[in-house]
Amino acid sequence: MTAEELQPVIVAALEDIKARDIEIIDTRKLTSLFDAIILASADSNRQTRALARNVQEKVAEAGGEIIGVEGEDVGEWVLVDTGDIVVHIMQPAIRSHYRLEELWQHPPARAGAQAVH
C-alpha cells in the first residue's frame, strides 16, 4: 500500500475518534526513511491510545502494515509507524514542547553548511 493510499485511511481513522489539529508533512525531500508524518492532538491518555488503536485497525483493514507502535503504555505521545507514514498522536503540552512541525518543515542546516543571509 502506497503512502498516497494510506494517508486518507489514517486521517479518517484519526477523525473518527475526534483527533484535533491534524497536520500532514511531506518528508520525501527531507529523508528517505518515510514519505510523510501525520501529527494529531488528543485531549487525554485514553484518547491518545484510542486514536493509535483505531489507526492500527483501519490501516490493517485497508491492507496496510504496522511496523511498530511506541508510547502506548504512557499515552502522552504515541507513535504509529506504517513504514511510509509515521503517525504522532500527542497531547497538546507534549506537542507544543517538541514542536515537530517546526523541525520537519524547517530542518536545521547541515554541519559545515554556511547560512545564507
PDB file of N, CA and C in Angstrom:
ATOM      1  N   MET A   1       0.849  -1.178   0.000  1.00  0.00           N
ATOM      2  CA  MET A   1       0.000   0.000   0.000  1.00  0.00           C
ATOM      3  C   MET A   1       0.893   1.240   0.000  1.00  0.00           C
ATOM      4  N   THR A   2       0.634   2.169  -0.919  1.00  0.00           N
ATOM      5  CA  THR A   2       1.468   3.361  -1.031  1.00  0.00           C
ATOM      6  C   THR A   2       1.075   4.404   0.013  1.00  0.00           C
ATOM      7  N   ALA A   3       1.949   5.368   0.208  1.00  0.00           N
ATOM      8  CA  ALA A   3       1.668   6.462   1.138  1.00  0.00           C
ATOM      9  C   ALA A   3       0.433   7.240   0.700  1.00  0.00           C
ATOM     10  N   GLU A   4       0.270   7.409  -0.609  1.00  0.00           N
ATOM     11  CA  GLU A   4      -0.890   8.137  -1.121  1.00  0.00           C
ATOM     12  C   GLU A   4      -2.195   7.400  -0.814  1.00  0.00           C
ATOM     13  N   GLU A   5      -2.173   6.086  -0.823  1.00  0.00           N
ATOM     14  CA  GLU A   5      -3.358   5.292  -0.490  1.00  0.00           C
ATOM     15  C   GLU A   5      -3.585   5.247   1.017  1.00  0.00           C
ATOM     16  N   LEU A   6      -2.505   5.244   1.764  1.00  0.00           N
ATOM     17  CA  LEU A   6      -2.563   5.111   3.211  1.00  0.00           C
ATOM     18  C   LEU A   6      -2.988   6.397   3.912  1.00  0.00           C
ATOM     19  N   GLN A   7      -2.578   7.521   3.380  1.00  0.00           N
ATOM     20  CA  GLN A   7      -2.832   8.802   4.039  1.00  0.00           C
ATOM     21  C   GLN A   7      -4.305   9.065   4.338  1.00  0.00           C
ATOM     22  N   PRO A   8      -5.228   8.913   3.385  1.00  0.00           N
ATOM     23  CA  PRO A   8      -6.639   9.167   3.723  1.00  0.00           C
ATOM     24  C   PRO A   8      -7.203   8.163   4.729  1.00  0.00           C
ATOM     25  N   VAL A   9      -6.694   6.960   4.738  1.00  0.00           N
ATOM     26  CA  VAL A   9      -7.132   5.950   5.710  1.00  0.00           C
ATOM     27  C   VAL A   9      -6.752   6.397   7.118  1.00  0.00           C
ATOM     28  N   ILE A  10      -5.520   6.881   7.265  1.00  0.00           N
ATOM     29  CA  ILE A  10      -5.027   7.326   8.574  1.00  0.00           C
ATOM     30  C   ILE A  10      -5.791   8.564   9.035  1.00  0.00           C
ATOM     31  N   VAL A  11      -5.957   9.528   8.153  1.00  0.00           N
ATOM     32  CA  VAL A  11      -6.672  10.751   8.526  1.00  0.00           C
ATOM     33  C   VAL A  11      -8.108  10.424   8.937  1.00  0.00           C
ATOM     34  N   ALA A  12      -8.781   9.563   8.208  1.00  0.00           N
ATOM     35  CA  ALA A  12     -10.153   9.173   8.561  1.00  0.00           C
ATOM     36  C   ALA A  12     -10.192   8.477   9.921  1.00  0.00           C
ATOM     37  N   ALA A  13      -9.208   7.628  10.191  1.00  0.00           N
ATOM     38  CA  ALA A  13      -9.150   6.938  11.489  1.00  0.00           C
ATOM     39  C   ALA A  13      -8.968   7.936  12.631  1.00  0.00           C
ATOM     40  N   LEU A  14      -8.176   8.963  12.397  1.00  0.00           N
ATOM     41  CA  LEU A  14      -7.973   9.999  13.419  1.00  0.00           C
ATOM     42  C   LEU A  14      -9.242  10.832  13.605  1.00  0.00           C
ATOM     43  N   GLU A  15      -9.887  11.167  12.508  1.00  0.00           N
ATOM     44  CA  GLU A  15     -11.113  11.959  12.589  1.00  0.00           C
ATOM     45  C   GLU A  15     -12.241  11.179  13.260  1.00  0.00           C
ATOM     46  N   ASP A  16     -12.274   9.849  13.095  1.00  0.00           N
ATOM     47  CA  ASP A  16     -13.307   9.003  13.728  1.00  0.00           C
ATOM     48  C   ASP A  16     -13.331   9.168  15.241  1.00  0.00           C
ATOM     49  N   ILE A  17     -12.151   9.345  15.833  1.00  0.00           N
ATOM     50  CA  ILE A  17     -12.046   9.419  17.292  1.00  0.00           C
ATOM     51  C   ILE A  17     -11.802  10.871  17.737  1.00  0.00           C
ATOM     52  N   LYS A  18     -12.119  11.820  16.866  1.00  0.00           N
ATOM     53  CA  LYS A  18     -12.096  13.256  17.190  1.00  0.00           C
ATOM     54  C   LYS A  18     -10.700  13.807  17.503  1.00  0.00           C
ATOM     55  N   ALA A  19      -9.691  13.376  16.756  1.00  0.00           N
ATOM     56  CA  ALA A  19      -8.367  13.995  16.891  1.00  0.00           C
ATOM     57  C   ALA A  19      -8.477  15.454  16.471  1.00  0.00           C
ATOM     58  N   ARG A  20      -7.631  16.283  17.044  1.00  0.00           N
ATOM     59  CA  ARG A  20      -7.624  17.705  16.711  1.00  0.00           C
ATOM     60  C   ARG A  20      -6.316  18.069  16.023  1.00  0.00           C
ATOM     61  N   ASP A  21      -6.334  19.169  15.313  1.00  0.00           N
ATOM     62  CA  ASP A  21      -5.128  19.754  14.714  1.00  0.00           C
ATOM     63  C   ASP A  21      -4.321  18.732  13.908  1.00  0.00           C
ATOM     64  N   ILE A  22      -4.988  18.013  13.034  1.00  0.00           N
ATOM     65  CA  ILE A  22      -4.305  17.021  12.199  1.00  0.00           C
ATOM     66  C   ILE A  22      -3.486  17.762  11.150  1.00  0.00           C
ATOM     67  N   GLU A  23      -2.216  17.413  11.084  1.00  0.00           N
ATOM     68  CA  GLU A  23      -1.317  18.043  10.121  1.00  0.00           C
ATOM     69  C   GLU A  23      -0.517  16.972   9.388  1.00  0.00           C
ATOM     70  N   ILE A  24      -0.384  17.139   8.086  1.00  0.00           N
ATOM     71  CA  ILE A  24       0.372  16.197   7.256  1.00  0.00           C
ATOM     72  C   ILE A  24       1.601  16.925   6.727  1.00  0.00           C
ATOM     73  N   ILE A  25       2.772  16.333   6.930  1.00  0.00           N
ATOM     74  CA  ILE A  25       4.022  16.923   6.455  1.00  0.00           C
ATOM     75  C   ILE A  25       4.675  15.951   5.481  1.00  0.00           C
ATOM     76  N   ASP A  26       4.873  16.402   4.264  1.00  0.00           N
ATOM     77  CA  ASP A  26       5.548  15.612   3.230  1.00  0.00           C
ATOM     78  C   ASP A  26       7.042  15.661   3.522  1.00  0.00           C
ATOM     79  N   THR A  27       7.648  14.508   3.744  1.00  0.00           N
ATOM     80  CA  THR A  27       9.070  14.446   4.102  1.00  0.00           C
ATOM     81  C   THR A  27       9.930  13.825   3.010  1.00  0.00           C
ATOM     82  N   ARG A  28       9.363  13.607   1.837  1.00  0.00           N
ATOM     83  CA  ARG A  28      10.109  12.911   0.776  1.00  0.00           C
ATOM     84  C   ARG A  28      11.382  13.633   0.374  1.00  0.00           C
ATOM     85  N   LYS A  29      11.406  14.958   0.438  1.00  0.00           N
ATOM     86  CA  LYS A  29      12.616  15.705   0.074  1.00  0.00           C
ATOM     87  C   LYS A  29      13.589  15.841   1.237  1.00  0.00           C
ATOM     88  N   LEU A  30      13.165  15.413   2.425  1.00  0.00           N
ATOM     89  CA  LEU A  30      13.985  15.576   3.621  1.00  0.00           C
ATOM     90  C   LEU A  30      14.652  14.292   4.093  1.00  0.00           C
ATOM     91  N   THR A  31      14.020  13.150   3.822  1.00  0.00           N
ATOM     92  CA  THR A  31      14.557  11.872   4.273  1.00  0.00           C
ATOM     93  C   THR A  31      14.062  10.755   3.358  1.00  0.00           C
ATOM     94  N   SER A  32      14.840   9.710   3.276  1.00  0.00           N
ATOM     95  CA  SER A  32      14.410   8.547   2.502  1.00  0.00           C
ATOM     96  C   SER A  32      13.779   7.488   3.402  1.00  0.00           C
ATOM     97  N   LEU A  33      13.680   7.759   4.700  1.00  0.00           N
ATOM     98  CA  LEU A  33      13.148   6.785   5.650  1.00  0.00           C
ATOM     99  C   LEU A  33      11.642   6.618   5.565  1.00  0.00           C
ATOM    100  N   PHE A  34      10.914   7.703   5.285  1.00  0.00           N
ATOM    101  CA  PHE A  34       9.461   7.658   5.183  1.00  0.00           C
ATOM    102  C   PHE A  34       9.009   8.829   4.333  1.00  0.00           C
ATOM    103  N   ASP A  35       7.777   8.742   3.811  1.00  0.00           N
ATOM    104  CA  ASP A  35       7.262   9.752   2.888  1.00  0.00           C
ATOM    105  C   ASP A  35       6.541  10.904   3.576  1.00  0.00           C
ATOM    106  N   ALA A  36       5.955  10.633   4.740  1.00  0.00           N
ATOM    107  CA  ALA A  36       5.170  11.670   5.403  1.00  0.00           C
ATOM    108  C   ALA A  36       5.090  11.418   6.897  1.00  0.00           C
ATOM    109  N   ILE A  37       4.809  12.508   7.588  1.00  0.00           N
ATOM    110  CA  ILE A  37       4.493  12.466   9.015  1.00  0.00           C
ATOM    111  C   ILE A  37       3.087  13.026   9.152  1.00  0.00           C
ATOM    112  N   ILE A  38       2.279  12.360   9.955  1.00  0.00           N
ATOM    113  CA  ILE A  38       0.965  12.894  10.288  1.00  0.00           C
ATOM    114  C   ILE A  38       0.953  13.137  11.792  1.00  0.00           C
ATOM    115  N   LEU A  39       0.638  14.381  12.167  1.00  0.00           N
ATOM    116  CA  LEU A  39       0.565  14.780  13.571  1.00  0.00           C
ATOM    117  C   LEU A  39      -0.887  15.015  13.936  1.00  0.00           C
ATOM    118  N   ALA A  40      -1.247  14.637  15.160  1.00  0.00           N
ATOM    119  CA  ALA A  40      -2.605  14.868  15.653  1.00  0.00           C
ATOM    120  C   ALA A  40      -2.562  15.073  17.164  1.00  0.00           C
ATOM    121  N   SER A  41      -3.501  15.842  17.662  1.00  0.00           N
ATOM    122  CA  SER A  41      -3.586  16.090  19.099  1.00  0.00           C
ATOM    123  C   SER A  41      -4.773  15.347  19.697  1.00  0.00           C
ATOM    124  N   ALA A  42      -4.601  14.939  20.955  1.00  0.00           N
ATOM    125  CA  ALA A  42      -5.651  14.266  21.722  1.00  0.00           C
ATOM    126  C   ALA A  42      -5.720  14.891  23.106  1.00  0.00           C
ATOM    127  N   ASP A  43      -6.880  14.831  23.721  1.00  0.00           N
ATOM    128  CA  ASP A  43      -7.089  15.517  24.993  1.00  0.00           C
ATOM    129  C   ASP A  43      -6.710  14.724  26.235  1.00  0.00           C
ATOM    130  N   SER A  44      -6.493  13.423  26.101  1.00  0.00           N
ATOM    131  CA  SER A  44      -6.193  12.607  27.284  1.00  0.00           C
ATOM    132  C   SER A  44      -5.375  11.377  26.877  1.00  0.00           C
ATOM    133  N   ASN A  45      -4.812  10.718  27.872  1.00  0.00           N
ATOM    134  CA  ASN A  45      -4.082   9.468  27.615  1.00  0.00           C
ATOM    135  C   ASN A  45      -5.015   8.439  26.975  1.00  0.00           C
ATOM    136  N   ARG A  46      -6.223   8.384  27.461  1.00  0.00           N
ATOM    137  CA  ARG A  46      -7.205   7.423  26.932  1.00  0.00           C
ATOM    138  C   ARG A  46      -7.492   7.695  25.459  1.00  0.00           C
ATOM    139  N   GLN A  47      -7.710   8.964  25.102  1.00  0.00           N
ATOM    140  CA  GLN A  47      -7.995   9.300  23.708  1.00  0.00           C
ATOM    141  C   GLN A  47      -6.769   9.047  22.827  1.00  0.00           C
ATOM    142  N   THR A  48      -5.590   9.365  23.327  1.00  0.00           N
ATOM    143  CA  THR A  48      -4.362   9.135  22.559  1.00  0.00           C
ATOM    144  C   THR A  48      -4.224   7.658  22.213  1.00  0.00           C
ATOM    145  N   ARG A  49      -4.417   6.803  23.195  1.00  0.00           N
ATOM    146  CA  ARG A  49      -4.324   5.362  22.958  1.00  0.00           C
ATOM    147  C   ARG A  49      -5.443   4.869  22.035  1.00  0.00           C
ATOM    148  N   ALA A  50      -6.656   5.405  22.198  1.00  0.00           N
ATOM    149  CA  ALA A  50      -7.774   5.009  21.335  1.00  0.00           C
ATOM    150  C   ALA A  50      -7.511   5.413  19.885  1.00  0.00           C
ATOM    151  N   LEU A  51      -6.954   6.584  19.687  1.00  0.00           N
ATOM    152  CA  LEU A  51      -6.605   7.030  18.337  1.00  0.00           C
ATOM    153  C   LEU A  51      -5.569   6.109  17.713  1.00  0.00           C
ATOM    154  N   ALA A  52      -4.546   5.771  18.477  1.00  0.00           N
ATOM    155  CA  ALA A  52      -3.488   4.888  17.963  1.00  0.00           C
ATOM    156  C   ALA A  52      -4.053   3.519  17.597  1.00  0.00           C
ATOM    157  N   ARG A  53      -4.924   2.973  18.445  1.00  0.00           N
ATOM    158  CA  ARG A  53      -5.543   1.670  18.150  1.00  0.00           C
ATOM    159  C   ARG A  53      -6.403   1.752  16.890  1.00  0.00           C
ATOM    160  N   ASN A  54      -7.161   2.840  16.754  1.00  0.00           N
ATOM    161  CA  ASN A  54      -8.023   2.982  15.586  1.00  0.00           C
ATOM    162  C   ASN A  54      -7.197   3.105  14.305  1.00  0.00           C
ATOM    163  N   VAL A  55      -6.092   3.849  14.358  1.00  0.00           N
ATOM    164  CA  VAL A  55      -5.207   3.939  13.189  1.00  0.00           C
ATOM    165  C   VAL A  55      -4.694   2.549  12.825  1.00  0.00           C
ATOM    166  N   GLN A  56      -4.241   1.793  13.828  1.00  0.00           N
ATOM    167  CA  GLN A  56      -3.730   0.445  13.562  1.00  0.00           C
ATOM    168  C   GLN A  56      -4.794  -0.439  12.924  1.00  0.00           C
ATOM    169  N   GLU A  57      -6.002  -0.410  13.475  1.00  0.00           N
ATOM    170  CA  GLU A  57      -7.086  -1.247  12.952  1.00  0.00           C
ATOM    171  C   GLU A  57      -7.462  -0.874  11.522  1.00  0.00           C
ATOM    172  N   LYS A  58      -7.605   0.424  11.262  1.00  0.00           N
ATOM    173  CA  LYS A  58      -8.036   0.877   9.926  1.00  0.00           C
ATOM    174  C   LYS A  58      -6.952   0.631   8.878  1.00  0.00           C
ATOM    175  N   VAL A  59      -5.694   0.802   9.257  1.00  0.00           N
ATOM    176  CA  VAL A  59      -4.600   0.517   8.323  1.00  0.00           C
ATOM    177  C   VAL A  59      -4.592  -0.972   7.988  1.00  0.00           C
ATOM    178  N   ALA A  60      -4.738  -1.821   8.997  1.00  0.00           N
ATOM    179  CA  ALA A  60      -4.760  -3.267   8.764  1.00  0.00           C
ATOM    180  C   ALA A  60      -5.948  -3.664   7.894  1.00  0.00           C
ATOM    181  N   GLU A  61      -7.128  -3.101   8.169  1.00  0.00           N
ATOM    182  CA  GLU A  61      -8.322  -3.407   7.373  1.00  0.00           C
ATOM    183  C   GLU A  61      -8.135  -3.016   5.908  1.00  0.00           C
ATOM    184  N   ALA A  62      -7.377  -1.936   5.673  1.00  0.00           N
ATOM    185  CA  ALA A  62      -7.153  -1.448   4.308  1.00  0.00           C
ATOM    186  C   ALA A  62      -6.035  -2.218   3.601  1.00  0.00           C
ATOM    187  N   GLY A  63      -5.388  -3.135   4.325  1.00  0.00           N
ATOM    188  CA  GLY A  63      -4.321  -3.922   3.714  1.00  0.00           C
ATOM    189  C   GLY A  63      -2.933  -3.371   3.949  1.00  0.00           C
ATOM    190  N   GLY A  64      -2.817  -2.357   4.809  1.00  0.00           N
ATOM    191  CA  GLY A  64      -1.516  -1.787   5.148  1.00  0.00           C
ATOM    192  C   GLY A  64      -0.847  -2.562   6.268  1.00  0.00           C
ATOM    193  N   GLU A  65       0.375  -2.194   6.546  1.00  0.00           N
ATOM    194  CA  GLU A  65       1.166  -2.885   7.565  1.00  0.00           C
ATOM    195  C   GLU A  65       1.570  -1.915   8.664  1.00  0.00           C
ATOM    196  N   ILE A  66       1.546  -2.393   9.897  1.00  0.00           N
ATOM    197  CA  ILE A  66       2.042  -1.624  11.028  1.00  0.00           C
ATOM    198  C   ILE A  66       3.430  -2.167  11.365  1.00  0.00           C
ATOM    199  N   ILE A  67       4.432  -1.309  11.255  1.00  0.00           N
ATOM    200  CA  ILE A  67       5.812  -1.704  11.546  1.00  0.00           C
ATOM    201  C   ILE A  67       6.058  -1.724  13.050  1.00  0.00           C
ATOM    202  N   GLY A  68       5.502  -0.736  13.742  1.00  0.00           N
ATOM    203  CA  GLY A  68       5.702  -0.674  15.184  1.00  0.00           C
ATOM    204  C   GLY A  68       4.863   0.417  15.815  1.00  0.00           C
ATOM    205  N   VAL A  69       4.706   0.316  17.136  1.00  0.00           N
ATOM    206  CA  VAL A  69       3.967   1.301  17.917  1.00  0.00           C
ATOM    207  C   VAL A  69       4.771   1.561  19.181  1.00  0.00           C
ATOM    208  N   GLU A  70       4.943   2.830  19.513  1.00  0.00           N
ATOM    209  CA  GLU A  70       5.678   3.216  20.717  1.00  0.00           C
ATOM    210  C   GLU A  70       4.843   4.181  21.544  1.00  0.00           C
ATOM    211  N   GLY A  71       4.934   4.090  22.853  1.00  0.00           N
ATOM    212  CA  GLY A  71       4.332   5.059  23.749  1.00  0.00           C
ATOM    213  C   GLY A  71       2.946   4.739  24.251  1.00  0.00           C
ATOM    214  N   GLU A  72       2.385   3.594  23.888  1.00  0.00           N
ATOM    215  CA  GLU A  72       1.028   3.269  24.338  1.00  0.00           C
ATOM    216  C   GLU A  72       0.938   3.095  25.849  1.00  0.00           C
ATOM    217  N   ASP A  73       2.022   2.665  26.473  1.00  0.00           N
ATOM    218  CA  ASP A  73       1.988   2.434  27.911  1.00  0.00           C
ATOM    219  C   ASP A  73       1.725   3.726  28.691  1.00  0.00           C
ATOM    220  N   VAL A  74       2.290   4.838  28.258  1.00  0.00           N
ATOM    221  CA  VAL A  74       2.088   6.112  28.949  1.00  0.00           C
ATOM    222  C   VAL A  74       0.919   6.875  28.348  1.00  0.00           C
ATOM    223  N   GLY A  75       0.885   6.972  27.037  1.00  0.00           N
ATOM    224  CA  GLY A  75      -0.249   7.580  26.362  1.00  0.00           C
ATOM    225  C   GLY A  75      -0.176   9.075  26.131  1.00  0.00           C
ATOM    226  N   GLU A  76       0.915   9.725  26.527  1.00  0.00           N
ATOM    227  CA  GLU A  76       1.038  11.159  26.264  1.00  0.00           C
ATOM    228  C   GLU A  76       1.439  11.427  24.816  1.00  0.00           C
ATOM    229  N   TRP A  77       2.226  10.498  24.243  1.00  0.00           N
ATOM    230  CA  TRP A  77       2.689  10.621  22.868  1.00  0.00           C
ATOM    231  C   TRP A  77       2.802   9.203  22.332  1.00  0.00           C
ATOM    232  N   VAL A  78       1.975   8.870  21.369  1.00  0.00           N
ATOM    233  CA  VAL A  78       2.008   7.541  20.769  1.00  0.00           C
ATOM    234  C   VAL A  78       2.430   7.687  19.312  1.00  0.00           C
ATOM    235  N   LEU A  79       3.399   6.894  18.916  1.00  0.00           N
ATOM    236  CA  LEU A  79       3.899   6.881  17.544  1.00  0.00           C
ATOM    237  C   LEU A  79       3.451   5.581  16.894  1.00  0.00           C
ATOM    238  N   VAL A  80       2.846   5.690  15.715  1.00  0.00           N
ATOM    239  CA  VAL A  80       2.441   4.524  14.935  1.00  0.00           C
ATOM    240  C   VAL A  80       3.219   4.579  13.624  1.00  0.00           C
ATOM    241  N   ASP A  81       4.061   3.580  13.397  1.00  0.00           N
ATOM    242  CA  ASP A  81       4.908   3.524  12.204  1.00  0.00           C
ATOM    243  C   ASP A  81       4.295   2.565  11.198  1.00  0.00           C
ATOM    244  N   THR A  82       3.906   3.116  10.038  1.00  0.00           N
ATOM    245  CA  THR A  82       3.339   2.285   8.984  1.00  0.00           C
ATOM    246  C   THR A  82       4.339   2.051   7.859  1.00  0.00           C
ATOM    247  N   GLY A  83       5.576   2.444   8.079  1.00  0.00           N
ATOM    248  CA  GLY A  83       6.603   2.316   7.050  1.00  0.00           C
ATOM    249  C   GLY A  83       6.721   3.593   6.254  1.00  0.00           C
ATOM    250  N   ASP A  84       5.773   3.870   5.372  1.00  0.00           N
ATOM    251  CA  ASP A  84       5.819   5.079   4.546  1.00  0.00           C
ATOM    252  C   ASP A  84       5.320   6.320   5.273  1.00  0.00           C
ATOM    253  N   ILE A  85       4.497   6.117   6.288  1.00  0.00           N
ATOM    254  CA  ILE A  85       3.958   7.243   7.059  1.00  0.00           C
ATOM    255  C   ILE A  85       4.158   6.955   8.543  1.00  0.00           C
ATOM    256  N   VAL A  86       4.655   7.976   9.262  1.00  0.00           N
ATOM    257  CA  VAL A  86       4.806   7.875  10.709  1.00  0.00           C
ATOM    258  C   VAL A  86       3.770   8.805  11.333  1.00  0.00           C
ATOM    259  N   VAL A  87       2.942   8.247  12.208  1.00  0.00           N
ATOM    260  CA  VAL A  87       1.860   8.997  12.840  1.00  0.00           C
ATOM    261  C   VAL A  87       2.251   9.301  14.279  1.00  0.00           C
ATOM    262  N   HIS A  88       2.193  10.591  14.637  1.00  0.00           N
ATOM    263  CA  HIS A  88       2.475  11.034  16.002  1.00  0.00           C
ATOM    264  C   HIS A  88       1.178  11.558  16.590  1.00  0.00           C
ATOM    265  N   ILE A  89       0.707  10.925  17.651  1.00  0.00           N
ATOM    266  CA  ILE A  89      -0.509  11.360  18.340  1.00  0.00           C
ATOM    267  C   ILE A  89      -0.074  11.842  19.717  1.00  0.00           C
ATOM    268  N   MET A  90      -0.298  13.128  19.979  1.00  0.00           N
ATOM    269  CA  MET A  90       0.242  13.746  21.193  1.00  0.00           C
ATOM    270  C   MET A  90      -0.807  14.564  21.929  1.00  0.00           C
ATOM    271  N   GLN A  91      -0.598  14.676  23.222  1.00  0.00           N
ATOM    272  CA  GLN A  91      -1.376  15.634  23.983  1.00  0.00           C
ATOM    273  C   GLN A  91      -0.792  17.021  23.714  1.00  0.00           C
ATOM    274  N   PRO A  92      -1.610  18.071  23.795  1.00  0.00           N
ATOM    275  CA  PRO A  92      -1.167  19.410  23.397  1.00  0.00           C
ATOM    276  C   PRO A  92       0.119  19.901  24.069  1.00  0.00           C
ATOM    277  N   ALA A  93       0.305  19.645  25.350  1.00  0.00           N
ATOM    278  CA  ALA A  93       1.516  20.117  26.029  1.00  0.00           C
ATOM    279  C   ALA A  93       2.771  19.460  25.454  1.00  0.00           C
ATOM    280  N   ILE A  94       2.674  18.177  25.152  1.00  0.00           N
ATOM    281  CA  ILE A  94       3.805  17.448  24.562  1.00  0.00           C
ATOM    282  C   ILE A  94       4.067  17.974  23.154  1.00  0.00           C
ATOM    283  N   ARG A  95       3.001  18.165  22.407  1.00  0.00           N
ATOM    284  CA  ARG A  95       3.154  18.645  21.019  1.00  0.00           C
ATOM    285  C   ARG A  95       3.785  20.037  20.981  1.00  0.00           C
ATOM    286  N   SER A  96       3.351  20.925  21.860  1.00  0.00           N
ATOM    287  CA  SER A  96       3.924  22.273  21.848  1.00  0.00           C
ATOM    288  C   SER A  96       5.359  22.279  22.364  1.00  0.00           C
ATOM    289  N   HIS A  97       5.700  21.340  23.233  1.00  0.00           N
ATOM    290  CA  HIS A  97       7.076  21.265  23.736  1.00  0.00           C
ATOM    291  C   HIS A  97       8.054  20.793  22.656  1.00  0.00           C
ATOM    292  N   TYR A  98       7.711  19.746  21.940  1.00  0.00           N
ATOM    293  CA  TYR A  98       8.625  19.167  20.949  1.00  0.00           C
ATOM    294  C   TYR A  98       8.551  19.836  19.579  1.00  0.00           C
ATOM    295  N   ARG A  99       7.426  20.466  19.246  1.00  0.00           N
ATOM    296  CA  ARG A  99       7.270  21.241  18.011  1.00  0.00           C
ATOM    297  C   ARG A  99       7.821  20.518  16.777  1.00  0.00           C
ATOM    298  N   LEU A 100       7.345  19.307  16.557  1.00  0.00           N
ATOM    299  CA  LEU A 100       7.805  18.524  15.406  1.00  0.00           C
ATOM    300  C   LEU A 100       7.487  19.200  14.077  1.00  0.00           C
ATOM    301  N   GLU A 101       6.400  19.961  14.035  1.00  0.00           N
ATOM    302  CA  GLU A 101       6.065  20.678  12.803  1.00  0.00           C
ATOM    303  C   GLU A 101       7.223  21.571  12.376  1.00  0.00           C
ATOM    304  N   GLU A 102       7.769  22.303  13.327  1.00  0.00           N
ATOM    305  CA  GLU A 102       8.883  23.207  13.012  1.00  0.00           C
ATOM    306  C   GLU A 102      10.120  22.430  12.588  1.00  0.00           C
ATOM    307  N   LEU A 103      10.388  21.354  13.247  1.00  0.00           N
ATOM    308  CA  LEU A 103      11.565  20.552  12.937  1.00  0.00           C
ATOM    309  C   LEU A 103      11.515  20.015  11.515  1.00  0.00           C
ATOM    310  N   TRP A 104      10.374  19.477  11.112  1.00  0.00           N
ATOM    311  CA  TRP A 104      10.273  18.850   9.794  1.00  0.00           C
ATOM    312  C   TRP A 104       9.955  19.828   8.680  1.00  0.00           C
ATOM    313  N   GLN A 105       9.347  20.949   8.987  1.00  0.00           N
ATOM    314  CA  GLN A 105       9.072  21.923   7.939  1.00  0.00           C
ATOM    315  C   GLN A 105      10.265  22.837   7.695  1.00  0.00           C
ATOM    316  N   HIS A 106      11.099  23.004   8.697  1.00  0.00           N
ATOM    317  CA  HIS A 106      12.289  23.836   8.587  1.00  0.00           C
ATOM    318  C   HIS A 106      13.470  23.077   9.179  1.00  0.00           C
ATOM    319  N   PRO A 107      13.979  22.067   8.474  1.00  0.00           N
ATOM    320  CA  PRO A 107      15.068  21.269   9.032  1.00  0.00           C
ATOM    321  C   PRO A 107      16.319  22.123   9.250  1.00  0.00           C
ATOM    322  N   PRO A 108      17.111  21.777  10.263  1.00  0.00           N
ATOM    323  CA  PRO A 108      18.330  22.541  10.537  1.00  0.00           C
ATOM    324  C   PRO A 108      19.323  22.387   9.383  1.00  0.00           C
ATOM    325  N   ALA A 109      20.167  23.386   9.248  1.00  0.00           N
ATOM    326  CA  ALA A 109      21.218  23.331   8.220  1.00  0.00           C
ATOM    327  C   ALA A 109      22.178  22.200   8.533  1.00  0.00           C
ATOM    328  N   ARG A 110      22.748  21.615   7.502  1.00  0.00           N
ATOM    329  CA  ARG A 110      23.707  20.539   7.689  1.00  0.00           C
ATOM    330  C   ARG A 110      25.014  21.084   8.254  1.00  0.00           C
ATOM    331  N   ALA A 111      25.706  20.253   9.009  1.00  0.00           N
ATOM    332  CA  ALA A 111      27.007  20.639   9.573  1.00  0.00           C
ATOM    333  C   ALA A 111      27.933  21.039   8.438  1.00  0.00           C
ATOM    334  N   GLY A 112      28.609  22.140   8.608  1.00  0.00           N
ATOM    335  CA  GLY A 112      29.544  22.598   7.588  1.00  0.00           C
ATOM    336  C   GLY A 112      28.904  23.479   6.543  1.00  0.00           C
ATOM    337  N   ALA A 113      27.575  23.528   6.519  1.00  0.00           N
ATOM    338  CA  ALA A 113      26.893  24.394   5.550  1.00  0.00           C
ATOM    339  C   ALA A 113      26.890  25.816   6.078  1.00  0.00           C
ATOM    340  N   GLN A 114      27.018  26.752   5.203  1.00  0.00           N
ATOM    341  CA  GLN A 114      27.017  28.155   5.591  1.00  0.00           C
ATOM    342  C   GLN A 114      25.606  28.709   5.515  1.00  0.00           C
ATOM    343  N   ALA A 115      25.269  29.502   6.482  1.00  0.00           N
ATOM    344  CA  ALA A 115      23.938  30.133   6.488  1.00  0.00           C
ATOM    345  C   ALA A 115      23.891  31.187   5.397  1.00  0.00           C
ATOM    346  N   VAL A 116      22.726  31.315   4.783  1.00  0.00           N
ATOM    347  CA  VAL A 116      22.529  32.340   3.768  1.00  0.00           C
ATOM    348  C   VAL A 116      21.886  33.530   4.440  1.00  0.00           C
ATOM    349  N   HIS A 117      22.471  34.699   4.260  1.00  0.00           N
ATOM    350  CA  HIS A 117      21.929  35.918   4.895  1.00  0.00           C
ATOM    351  C   HIS A 117      21.343  36.819   3.869  1.00  0.00           C
TER     352      HIS A 117
END
